[in-house]
Amino acid sequence: MGSVTVGILVVVLVLLILLLFCSYKKLNKQANGKYTVREILFKEGGLRDQANNAVMTVRAWTG
């Protein structure tokens, strides 16, 4: 019973990842390539900056 549930959950997870990828590709095409990985990660205030700020905050809290 447990392995069947895990199998179903894995299939659902894979389907959700595929749906996310296809949606990203479609929306990026409509936005003329505005949402590239490089833009999301490395722009001012992007994910890299947010992660760096989070690390600096944790370091300040821990001393």
N, C-alpha and C. Protein backbone atom coordinates (compact mmCIF):
# COMPACT_ATOMS: atom_id res chain seq x y z
N MET A 1 0.82 -1.19 0.00
CA MET A 1 0.00 0.00 0.00
C MET A 1 0.87 1.26 0.00
N GLY A 2 1.92 1.29 0.83
CA GLY A 2 2.78 2.46 0.93
C GLY A 2 3.54 2.74 -0.35
N SER A 3 4.04 1.69 -1.01
CA SER A 3 4.82 1.90 -2.22
C SER A 3 3.94 2.40 -3.37
N VAL A 4 2.67 2.00 -3.38
CA VAL A 4 1.74 2.49 -4.40
C VAL A 4 1.51 3.99 -4.20
N THR A 5 1.34 4.40 -2.96
CA THR A 5 1.14 5.82 -2.65
C THR A 5 2.36 6.64 -3.05
N VAL A 6 3.53 6.13 -2.75
CA VAL A 6 4.77 6.84 -3.11
C VAL A 6 4.88 6.93 -4.63
N GLY A 7 4.56 5.86 -5.32
CA GLY A 7 4.60 5.88 -6.78
C GLY A 7 3.66 6.92 -7.37
N ILE A 8 2.45 6.98 -6.84
CA ILE A 8 1.48 7.97 -7.31
C ILE A 8 1.98 9.38 -7.04
N LEU A 9 2.53 9.61 -5.86
CA LEU A 9 3.04 10.94 -5.52
C LEU A 9 4.22 11.34 -6.40
N VAL A 10 5.07 10.40 -6.74
CA VAL A 10 6.20 10.70 -7.63
C VAL A 10 5.69 11.08 -9.01
N VAL A 11 4.71 10.35 -9.51
CA VAL A 11 4.14 10.66 -10.83
C VAL A 11 3.49 12.04 -10.81
N VAL A 12 2.75 12.35 -9.75
CA VAL A 12 2.11 13.67 -9.64
C VAL A 12 3.18 14.76 -9.58
N LEU A 13 4.25 14.54 -8.84
CA LEU A 13 5.33 15.51 -8.75
C LEU A 13 5.96 15.76 -10.12
N VAL A 14 6.22 14.70 -10.86
CA VAL A 14 6.82 14.85 -12.19
C VAL A 14 5.87 15.62 -13.11
N LEU A 15 4.58 15.31 -13.04
CA LEU A 15 3.60 16.02 -13.87
C LEU A 15 3.54 17.50 -13.50
N LEU A 16 3.60 17.82 -12.22
CA LEU A 16 3.59 19.22 -11.80
C LEU A 16 4.84 19.96 -12.27
N ILE A 17 5.98 19.29 -12.22
CA ILE A 17 7.22 19.92 -12.70
C ILE A 17 7.14 20.17 -14.20
N LEU A 18 6.60 19.21 -14.95
CA LEU A 18 6.43 19.40 -16.39
C LEU A 18 5.46 20.55 -16.69
N LEU A 19 4.38 20.62 -15.93
CA LEU A 19 3.42 21.71 -16.11
C LEU A 19 4.07 23.06 -15.82
N LEU A 20 4.86 23.13 -14.76
CA LEU A 20 5.56 24.36 -14.43
C LEU A 20 6.52 24.77 -15.54
N PHE A 21 7.27 23.81 -16.06
CA PHE A 21 8.23 24.09 -17.13
C PHE A 21 7.52 24.58 -18.39
N CYS A 22 6.45 23.89 -18.77
CA CYS A 22 5.71 24.29 -19.97
C CYS A 22 5.08 25.66 -19.80
N SER A 23 4.55 25.94 -18.63
CA SER A 23 3.96 27.26 -18.36
C SER A 23 5.03 28.34 -18.43
N TYR A 24 6.20 28.06 -17.86
CA TYR A 24 7.30 29.03 -17.91
C TYR A 24 7.68 29.32 -19.35
N LYS A 25 7.82 28.28 -20.16
CA LYS A 25 8.22 28.48 -21.55
C LYS A 25 7.18 29.31 -22.30
N LYS A 26 5.90 29.00 -22.09
CA LYS A 26 4.83 29.73 -22.78
C LYS A 26 4.79 31.19 -22.35
N LEU A 27 4.83 31.44 -21.05
CA LEU A 27 4.77 32.81 -20.56
C LEU A 27 6.00 33.61 -20.95
N ASN A 28 7.16 32.97 -20.96
CA ASN A 28 8.38 33.66 -21.36
C ASN A 28 8.33 34.02 -22.83
N LYS A 29 7.72 33.16 -23.63
CA LYS A 29 7.58 33.45 -25.05
C LYS A 29 6.66 34.65 -25.25
N GLN A 30 5.58 34.72 -24.47
CA GLN A 30 4.66 35.85 -24.56
C GLN A 30 5.31 37.15 -24.09
N ALA A 31 6.25 37.06 -23.17
CA ALA A 31 6.92 38.24 -22.63
C ALA A 31 8.19 38.57 -23.41
N ASN A 32 8.39 37.95 -24.56
CA ASN A 32 9.55 38.21 -25.42
C ASN A 32 10.87 37.94 -24.71
N GLY A 33 10.94 36.85 -23.96
CA GLY A 33 12.19 36.44 -23.33
C GLY A 33 12.61 37.26 -22.12
N LYS A 34 11.67 37.96 -21.51
CA LYS A 34 12.00 38.82 -20.37
C LYS A 34 12.43 38.02 -19.15
N TYR A 35 11.89 36.82 -18.99
CA TYR A 35 12.13 36.04 -17.78
C TYR A 35 13.14 34.92 -18.04
N THR A 36 14.39 35.30 -18.21
CA THR A 36 15.44 34.31 -18.37
C THR A 36 16.05 34.01 -17.01
N VAL A 37 16.73 32.89 -16.91
CA VAL A 37 17.37 32.52 -15.65
C VAL A 37 18.40 33.57 -15.26
N ARG A 38 19.12 34.07 -16.22
CA ARG A 38 20.13 35.10 -15.95
C ARG A 38 19.49 36.36 -15.37
N GLU A 39 18.35 36.77 -15.93
CA GLU A 39 17.64 37.95 -15.41
C GLU A 39 17.14 37.72 -14.00
N ILE A 40 16.56 36.56 -13.76
CA ILE A 40 15.97 36.27 -12.45
C ILE A 40 17.05 36.18 -11.37
N LEU A 41 18.19 35.57 -11.69
CA LEU A 41 19.23 35.37 -10.69
C LEU A 41 20.12 36.58 -10.47
N PHE A 42 20.55 37.20 -11.54
CA PHE A 42 21.65 38.16 -11.43
C PHE A 42 21.26 39.62 -11.54
N LYS A 43 19.99 39.93 -11.76
CA LYS A 43 19.61 41.34 -11.84
C LYS A 43 19.68 41.98 -10.45
N GLU A 44 19.61 43.29 -10.42
CA GLU A 44 19.61 44.01 -9.14
C GLU A 44 18.38 43.59 -8.33
N GLY A 45 18.61 43.09 -7.12
CA GLY A 45 17.51 42.62 -6.29
C GLY A 45 17.02 41.23 -6.66
N GLY A 46 17.80 40.51 -7.45
CA GLY A 46 17.41 39.17 -7.86
C GLY A 46 17.64 38.15 -6.77
N LEU A 47 17.50 36.89 -7.13
CA LEU A 47 17.61 35.82 -6.14
C LEU A 47 18.98 35.77 -5.47
N ARG A 48 20.03 36.07 -6.23
CA ARG A 48 21.37 36.07 -5.64
C ARG A 48 21.48 37.13 -4.55
N ASP A 49 20.98 38.33 -4.83
CA ASP A 49 21.01 39.40 -3.82
C ASP A 49 20.15 39.05 -2.61
N GLN A 50 18.99 38.45 -2.85
CA GLN A 50 18.11 38.08 -1.74
C GLN A 50 18.75 37.03 -0.86
N ALA A 51 19.40 36.04 -1.48
CA ALA A 51 20.07 35.00 -0.69
C ALA A 51 21.23 35.59 0.09
N ASN A 52 21.98 36.49 -0.53
CA ASN A 52 23.10 37.13 0.16
C ASN A 52 22.60 37.95 1.36
N ASN A 53 21.50 38.66 1.18
CA ASN A 53 20.94 39.44 2.29
C ASN A 53 20.47 38.53 3.42
N ALA A 54 19.89 37.39 3.08
CA ALA A 54 19.43 36.45 4.10
C ALA A 54 20.61 35.90 4.89
N VAL A 55 21.70 35.57 4.21
CA VAL A 55 22.89 35.05 4.89
C VAL A 55 23.48 36.12 5.80
N MET A 56 23.53 37.34 5.33
CA MET A 56 24.07 38.42 6.16
C MET A 56 23.20 38.66 7.40
N THR A 57 21.89 38.53 7.25
CA THR A 57 20.98 38.69 8.40
C THR A 57 21.20 37.60 9.42
N VAL A 58 21.33 36.36 8.96
CA VAL A 58 21.56 35.24 9.88
C VAL A 58 22.89 35.40 10.58
N ARG A 59 23.92 35.84 9.86
CA ARG A 59 25.22 36.07 10.48
C ARG A 59 25.15 37.15 11.54
N ALA A 60 24.37 38.19 11.28
CA ALA A 60 24.24 39.26 12.27
C ALA A 60 23.52 38.76 13.52
N TRP A 61 22.54 37.89 13.35
CA TRP A 61 21.82 37.35 14.50
C TRP A 61 22.69 36.43 15.33
N THR A 62 23.52 35.62 14.65
CA THR A 62 24.31 34.62 15.37
C THR A 62 25.62 35.20 15.89
N GLY A 63 26.01 36.34 15.39
CA GLY A 63 27.22 36.98 15.92
C GLY A 63 28.38 36.58 15.19
